[in-house]
Amino acid sequence: MTQPQLAHQTEHGRMYARSLSGVPEVPSITTVISQQNTDLSGWVGHMAATAVIEDPRLSQAVGSKPQLKTVARQASNAAERYRDEAAARGDRVHNYAEQVGLHALGKPHQMAQMRALLAEHGEGAYADRFDEWWDLYDVRPLATEITVWNGTVGYAGTLDLVASIGGRTCIIDYKTKGTTRDGHVKPLDAKVVMQLVAGLKAEESLVDPVAGTWEPWKYGDAPLLLGVAVGQTEVVAHQANPQVLPDHWRKFWSLRQVWGYSQAADGAGPALRPIGPPPASTVPAASSVPAASPAPGAQIQ
């Protein structure tokens, strides 16, 4: 929110340009990580079944095929609706967290407006818990929503926060999470480690998006990488285990290669083409089966 974004949604995913007038050149960190497939079929089915069970029209629809079809049709996209609502809530929480950082840096901010927006959606508890965590950890921001670039590997991204906590520099990524049945914030996905280490391995950070000027990345030696789960009941910070960072960096690097090879394969032309049967002379003379007409395309030689 504090500066124009250099990211664009393209057919290859979210990509970054070097300036506002530039063309997209490299994939975002999250686009690279998304090359790791995640099977959500079980969750999608669960969401659809739950939507049917909880639909207040279900009892009246029993015995009526058209009404049952209506309930089922609307339940079929329950997972999509949940995802979109969660994404919108995550944006609101991230926006509030960003404004808190700007306020602490003495920069123009909209902290009150973002808190009010959360309250309008019944999400004020996220702001309350975040404020408590901020004060408890004595967070001292160095940069918020900072865009970084790695030209060697070929990726870019925007980091939520770089801050000093307990005298140590931290690269921080916020994740808005729901609440478990026992009242705790849901755990983070281990993929956040790839996101954090990709930020650590950046080579440049953005100075001026209009002019497209960058400077060497100042925080490549940050000793702490933190994934912060922000919930309505609590905020829990998790440190990326330093011992596993090399493995997660190699995994991220490999996924970046997958992304690149996928673009190359997609742009190489049709992967499949129709092919006809072999020439008639190769069919045994004793065969009484008439030869099929060749399909359009190449023939087996």
Protein backbone atom coordinates (compact mmCIF):
# COMPACT_ATOMS: atom_id res chain seq x y z
CA MET A 1 0.00 0.00 0.00
CA THR A 2 2.88 2.38 0.60
CA GLN A 3 4.30 2.27 -2.93
CA PRO A 4 3.13 1.29 -6.42
CA GLN A 5 3.49 -2.42 -7.00
CA LEU A 6 5.77 -3.84 -9.67
CA ALA A 7 3.94 -7.17 -9.69
CA HIS A 8 1.64 -8.17 -12.53
CA GLN A 9 -0.64 -11.17 -12.92
CA THR A 10 0.33 -12.92 -16.16
CA GLU A 11 -0.45 -16.25 -17.81
CA HIS A 12 2.66 -17.59 -16.09
CA GLY A 13 1.56 -16.44 -12.63
CA ARG A 14 2.46 -13.35 -10.67
CA MET A 15 5.58 -11.68 -12.11
CA TYR A 16 7.68 -8.62 -11.28
CA ALA A 17 9.09 -5.84 -13.44
CA ARG A 18 12.10 -3.67 -12.67
CA SER A 19 10.04 -0.47 -12.84
CA LEU A 20 6.45 0.64 -13.24
CA SER A 21 7.01 1.12 -16.96
CA GLY A 22 8.95 -2.12 -17.37
CA VAL A 23 7.74 -5.50 -18.55
CA PRO A 24 7.39 -8.48 -16.19
CA GLU A 25 10.68 -10.35 -16.05
CA VAL A 26 10.77 -12.77 -13.13
CA PRO A 27 8.22 -14.78 -11.13
CA SER A 28 7.19 -13.86 -7.62
CA ILE A 29 8.38 -15.89 -4.66
CA THR A 30 4.85 -17.23 -4.11
CA THR A 31 4.51 -18.19 -7.78
CA VAL A 32 7.71 -20.23 -7.54
CA ILE A 33 6.52 -21.96 -4.38
CA SER A 34 3.16 -22.74 -6.01
CA GLN A 35 4.98 -25.09 -8.41
CA GLN A 36 4.82 -27.57 -5.52
CA ASN A 37 1.48 -29.25 -6.05
CA THR A 38 -0.89 -29.46 -3.10
CA ASP A 39 -3.73 -31.99 -3.19
CA LEU A 40 -6.81 -30.21 -1.84
CA SER A 41 -9.39 -32.64 -3.18
CA GLY A 42 -10.21 -34.00 0.27
CA TRP A 43 -10.62 -30.52 1.72
CA VAL A 44 -12.78 -29.40 -1.22
CA GLY A 45 -15.05 -32.41 -0.75
CA HIS A 46 -15.27 -31.77 2.99
CA MET A 47 -16.21 -28.13 2.44
CA ALA A 48 -18.91 -29.09 -0.05
CA ALA A 49 -20.37 -31.75 2.24
CA THR A 50 -20.33 -29.37 5.21
CA ALA A 51 -22.09 -26.69 3.16
CA VAL A 52 -24.85 -29.15 2.28
CA ILE A 53 -25.31 -30.31 5.87
CA GLU A 54 -25.40 -26.75 7.21
CA ASP A 55 -27.69 -25.38 4.48
CA PRO A 56 -30.97 -24.28 6.18
CA ARG A 57 -32.90 -25.27 3.05
CA LEU A 58 -31.84 -28.91 3.24
CA SER A 59 -34.81 -30.19 5.25
CA GLN A 60 -37.29 -28.61 2.85
CA ALA A 61 -35.31 -29.78 -0.18
CA VAL A 62 -35.44 -33.47 0.78
CA GLY A 63 -37.74 -35.20 -1.67
CA SER A 64 -37.46 -32.43 -4.25
CA LYS A 65 -34.87 -33.17 -6.91
CA PRO A 66 -34.76 -29.58 -8.27
CA GLN A 67 -34.29 -28.10 -4.78
CA LEU A 68 -31.62 -30.65 -3.91
CA LYS A 69 -29.79 -29.77 -7.12
CA THR A 70 -29.86 -26.10 -6.13
CA VAL A 71 -28.39 -26.89 -2.70
CA ALA A 72 -25.73 -29.15 -4.21
CA ARG A 73 -24.80 -26.64 -6.91
CA GLN A 74 -24.25 -23.86 -4.40
CA ALA A 75 -22.38 -26.20 -2.06
CA SER A 76 -20.03 -27.28 -4.85
CA ASN A 77 -18.17 -23.95 -4.78
CA ALA A 78 -18.06 -23.68 -0.97
CA ALA A 79 -14.29 -24.20 -0.96
CA GLU A 80 -13.84 -21.43 -3.53
CA ARG A 81 -15.96 -19.02 -1.51
CA TYR A 82 -14.08 -19.90 1.67
CA ARG A 83 -10.74 -19.34 -0.09
CA ASP A 84 -11.82 -15.95 -1.44
CA GLU A 85 -13.15 -14.83 1.95
CA ALA A 86 -9.96 -15.98 3.68
CA ALA A 87 -7.84 -14.12 1.11
CA ALA A 88 -9.82 -10.92 1.63
CA ARG A 89 -9.50 -11.25 5.42
CA GLY A 90 -5.77 -11.90 5.05
CA ASP A 91 -5.41 -8.73 2.99
CA ARG A 92 -7.18 -6.69 5.65
CA VAL A 93 -5.00 -8.09 8.44
CA HIS A 94 -1.82 -7.58 6.41
CA ASN A 95 -2.84 -4.02 5.61
CA TYR A 96 -3.36 -3.28 9.28
CA ALA A 97 0.01 -4.82 10.19
CA GLU A 98 1.68 -2.71 7.51
CA GLN A 99 0.11 0.46 8.86
CA VAL A 100 1.31 -0.37 12.37
CA GLY A 101 4.83 -0.62 10.97
CA LEU A 102 4.52 2.69 9.11
CA HIS A 103 3.23 4.37 12.26
CA ALA A 104 6.21 3.07 14.22
CA LEU A 105 8.56 4.35 11.51
CA GLY A 106 7.01 7.81 11.74
CA LYS A 107 5.71 7.63 8.17
CA PRO A 108 2.23 8.51 6.85
CA HIS A 109 -0.19 5.72 7.72
CA GLN A 110 -3.84 4.69 7.85
CA MET A 111 -3.70 2.60 10.99
CA ALA A 112 -7.01 3.87 12.39
CA GLN A 113 -8.79 3.34 9.08
CA MET A 114 -7.49 -0.21 8.71
CA ARG A 115 -8.46 -1.06 12.27
CA ALA A 116 -11.95 0.32 11.62
CA LEU A 117 -12.20 -1.81 8.46
CA LEU A 118 -11.37 -4.93 10.45
CA ALA A 119 -13.99 -4.00 13.02
CA GLU A 120 -16.60 -3.57 10.28
CA HIS A 121 -16.04 -7.18 9.28
CA GLY A 122 -16.11 -8.47 12.85
CA GLU A 123 -12.35 -9.01 12.79
CA GLY A 124 -11.21 -6.49 15.37
CA ALA A 125 -9.70 -9.27 17.50
CA TYR A 126 -6.98 -9.76 14.88
CA ALA A 127 -5.84 -6.16 15.41
CA ASP A 128 -6.04 -6.52 19.20
CA ARG A 129 -3.90 -9.66 19.26
CA PHE A 130 -1.44 -8.19 16.78
CA ASP A 131 -0.99 -5.07 18.92
CA GLU A 132 -0.36 -7.24 21.97
CA TRP A 133 2.27 -9.28 20.11
CA TRP A 134 3.93 -6.11 18.74
CA ASP A 135 4.30 -4.65 22.21
CA LEU A 136 5.30 -7.91 23.88
CA TYR A 137 8.10 -8.52 21.37
CA ASP A 138 9.08 -4.85 21.31
CA VAL A 139 9.14 -4.86 17.51
CA ARG A 140 11.23 -2.05 16.04
CA PRO A 141 10.64 -1.90 12.27
CA LEU A 142 13.43 -1.19 9.81
CA ALA A 143 11.39 -1.56 6.60
CA THR A 144 7.82 -2.59 5.79
CA GLU A 145 6.46 -4.07 2.55
CA ILE A 146 9.88 -3.96 0.92
CA THR A 147 10.28 -5.35 -2.61
CA VAL A 148 13.36 -7.48 -3.24
CA TRP A 149 14.98 -9.00 -6.33
CA ASN A 150 17.34 -11.87 -7.05
CA GLY A 151 18.69 -11.62 -10.58
CA THR A 152 20.99 -14.64 -10.36
CA VAL A 153 18.21 -17.15 -9.72
CA GLY A 154 15.48 -14.99 -11.22
CA TYR A 155 12.69 -14.08 -8.80
CA ALA A 156 11.31 -11.16 -6.81
CA GLY A 157 8.88 -10.60 -3.97
CA THR A 158 7.59 -8.21 -1.34
CA LEU A 159 8.52 -8.91 2.27
CA ASP A 160 6.06 -8.03 5.02
CA LEU A 161 8.55 -6.62 7.50
CA VAL A 162 12.19 -6.30 8.42
CA ALA A 163 12.56 -5.39 12.08
CA SER A 164 14.85 -5.46 15.07
CA ILE A 165 13.61 -7.68 17.91
CA GLY A 166 15.75 -8.08 21.00
CA GLY A 167 18.60 -6.38 19.18
CA ARG A 168 18.57 -8.90 16.32
CA THR A 169 17.49 -8.22 12.74
CA CYS A 170 14.50 -10.30 11.64
CA ILE A 171 12.85 -10.91 8.29
CA ILE A 172 9.17 -11.46 9.04
CA ASP A 173 6.25 -12.90 7.11
CA TYR A 174 2.70 -12.63 8.45
CA LYS A 175 0.14 -15.38 7.93
CA THR A 176 -3.47 -14.80 8.90
CA LYS A 177 -4.71 -18.05 10.43
CA GLY A 178 -7.96 -19.41 11.78
CA THR A 179 -8.57 -20.83 15.22
CA THR A 180 -8.52 -24.47 16.32
CA ARG A 181 -11.28 -26.03 18.39
CA ASP A 182 -9.20 -25.56 21.53
CA GLY A 183 -8.88 -21.83 20.91
CA HIS A 184 -5.34 -21.66 19.53
CA VAL A 185 -4.17 -20.15 16.28
CA LYS A 186 -3.74 -22.76 13.56
CA PRO A 187 -0.14 -23.79 12.79
CA LEU A 188 1.90 -22.43 9.91
CA ASP A 189 2.67 -24.42 6.78
CA ALA A 190 6.36 -25.31 6.47
CA LYS A 191 6.38 -23.65 3.02
CA VAL A 192 6.79 -20.33 4.83
CA VAL A 193 10.44 -21.31 5.36
CA MET A 194 11.02 -21.27 1.60
CA GLN A 195 9.37 -17.85 1.43
CA LEU A 196 11.58 -16.50 4.20
CA VAL A 197 14.84 -17.93 2.90
CA ALA A 198 14.07 -16.60 -0.59
CA GLY A 199 13.76 -13.16 1.00
CA LEU A 200 17.02 -13.64 2.83
CA LYS A 201 18.78 -14.60 -0.41
CA ALA A 202 17.65 -11.45 -2.24
CA GLU A 203 20.34 -9.39 -3.95
CA GLU A 204 18.62 -6.01 -4.27
CA SER A 205 15.78 -4.02 -2.76
CA LEU A 206 13.61 -1.42 -4.45
CA VAL A 207 14.36 2.26 -3.94
CA ASP A 208 12.19 4.02 -6.54
CA PRO A 209 9.55 2.07 -8.52
CA VAL A 210 9.02 4.88 -11.04
CA ALA A 211 12.69 5.29 -11.93
CA GLY A 212 13.36 1.59 -11.44
CA THR A 213 16.28 2.13 -9.09
CA TRP A 214 17.48 -0.56 -6.72
CA GLU A 215 20.16 -0.88 -4.07
CA PRO A 216 22.13 -3.84 -2.69
CA TRP A 217 20.09 -5.87 -0.19
CA LYS A 218 21.02 -4.76 3.30
CA TYR A 219 19.57 -7.65 5.26
CA GLY A 220 21.02 -10.74 3.62
CA ASP A 221 22.71 -11.63 6.91
CA ALA A 222 19.59 -11.34 9.09
CA PRO A 223 20.01 -13.96 11.83
CA LEU A 224 16.30 -14.55 12.44
CA LEU A 225 13.60 -15.54 9.96
CA LEU A 226 10.15 -15.43 11.56
CA GLY A 227 6.81 -16.72 10.36
CA VAL A 228 4.13 -15.00 12.43
CA ALA A 229 0.72 -16.66 12.68
CA VAL A 230 -1.87 -13.93 13.35
CA GLY A 231 -5.15 -15.20 14.80
CA GLN A 232 -8.15 -13.89 16.69
CA THR A 233 -7.12 -15.51 19.98
CA GLU A 234 -3.34 -15.21 19.82
CA VAL A 235 -0.33 -14.40 17.68
CA VAL A 236 2.46 -16.97 17.61
CA ALA A 237 5.90 -16.32 16.13
CA HIS A 238 7.88 -19.26 14.73
CA GLN A 239 11.57 -19.15 13.87
CA ALA A 240 12.75 -20.90 10.72
CA ASN A 241 15.22 -23.50 11.96
CA PRO A 242 18.67 -22.30 10.78
CA GLN A 243 19.82 -25.91 10.28
CA VAL A 244 17.19 -26.58 7.59
CA LEU A 245 17.59 -23.34 5.63
CA PRO A 246 20.05 -24.77 3.06
CA ASP A 247 17.66 -27.61 2.23
CA HIS A 248 14.68 -25.30 1.87
CA TRP A 249 16.74 -22.92 -0.28
CA ARG A 250 17.70 -25.81 -2.56
CA LYS A 251 14.04 -26.81 -2.77
CA PHE A 252 13.05 -23.24 -3.69
CA TRP A 253 15.85 -23.10 -6.28
CA SER A 254 14.62 -26.37 -7.80
CA LEU A 255 11.03 -25.11 -7.98
CA ARG A 256 12.32 -22.00 -9.76
CA GLN A 257 13.91 -24.28 -12.36
CA VAL A 258 10.62 -26.14 -12.71
CA TRP A 259 8.87 -22.84 -13.36
CA GLY A 260 11.42 -21.87 -16.00
CA TYR A 261 11.34 -25.23 -17.79
CA SER A 262 7.53 -25.14 -17.73
CA GLN A 263 7.52 -21.79 -19.53
CA ALA A 264 10.04 -23.10 -22.07
CA ALA A 265 7.97 -26.23 -22.71
CA ASP A 266 4.74 -24.25 -23.05
CA GLY A 267 6.36 -21.93 -25.57
CA ALA A 268 8.02 -24.66 -27.63
CA GLY A 269 4.90 -25.42 -29.63
CA PRO A 270 2.30 -28.20 -29.52
CA ALA A 271 3.46 -31.06 -27.33
CA LEU A 272 1.37 -33.65 -29.21
CA ARG A 273 0.32 -34.03 -32.83
CA PRO A 274 -1.94 -36.55 -34.55
CA ILE A 275 -0.23 -39.32 -36.47
CA GLY A 276 -1.64 -41.67 -39.09
CA PRO A 277 -1.08 -45.37 -39.61
CA PRO A 278 1.98 -46.69 -41.46
CA PRO A 279 1.94 -46.76 -45.30
CA ALA A 280 -0.34 -49.42 -46.81
CA SER A 281 2.65 -51.37 -48.24
CA THR A 282 3.71 -52.32 -44.74
CA VAL A 283 0.42 -54.10 -44.03
CA PRO A 284 0.75 -57.90 -44.55
CA ALA A 285 -0.85 -58.95 -47.88
CA ALA A 286 -2.73 -61.80 -46.22
CA SER A 287 -4.67 -59.41 -44.09
CA SER A 288 -8.29 -59.18 -45.07
CA VAL A 289 -8.94 -56.20 -42.84
CA PRO A 290 -9.34 -53.02 -44.93
CA ALA A 291 -6.85 -50.28 -44.10
CA ALA A 292 -8.25 -47.34 -42.15
CA SER A 293 -8.11 -43.89 -43.67
CA PRO A 294 -5.07 -42.00 -42.34
CA ALA A 295 -5.80 -39.30 -39.81
CA PRO A 296 -4.58 -35.77 -40.53
CA GLY A 297 -0.98 -35.26 -39.54
CA ALA A 298 2.26 -37.16 -39.80
CA GLN A 299 2.62 -40.86 -40.67
CA ILE A 300 4.75 -43.54 -39.06
CA GLN A 301 7.80 -44.14 -41.30
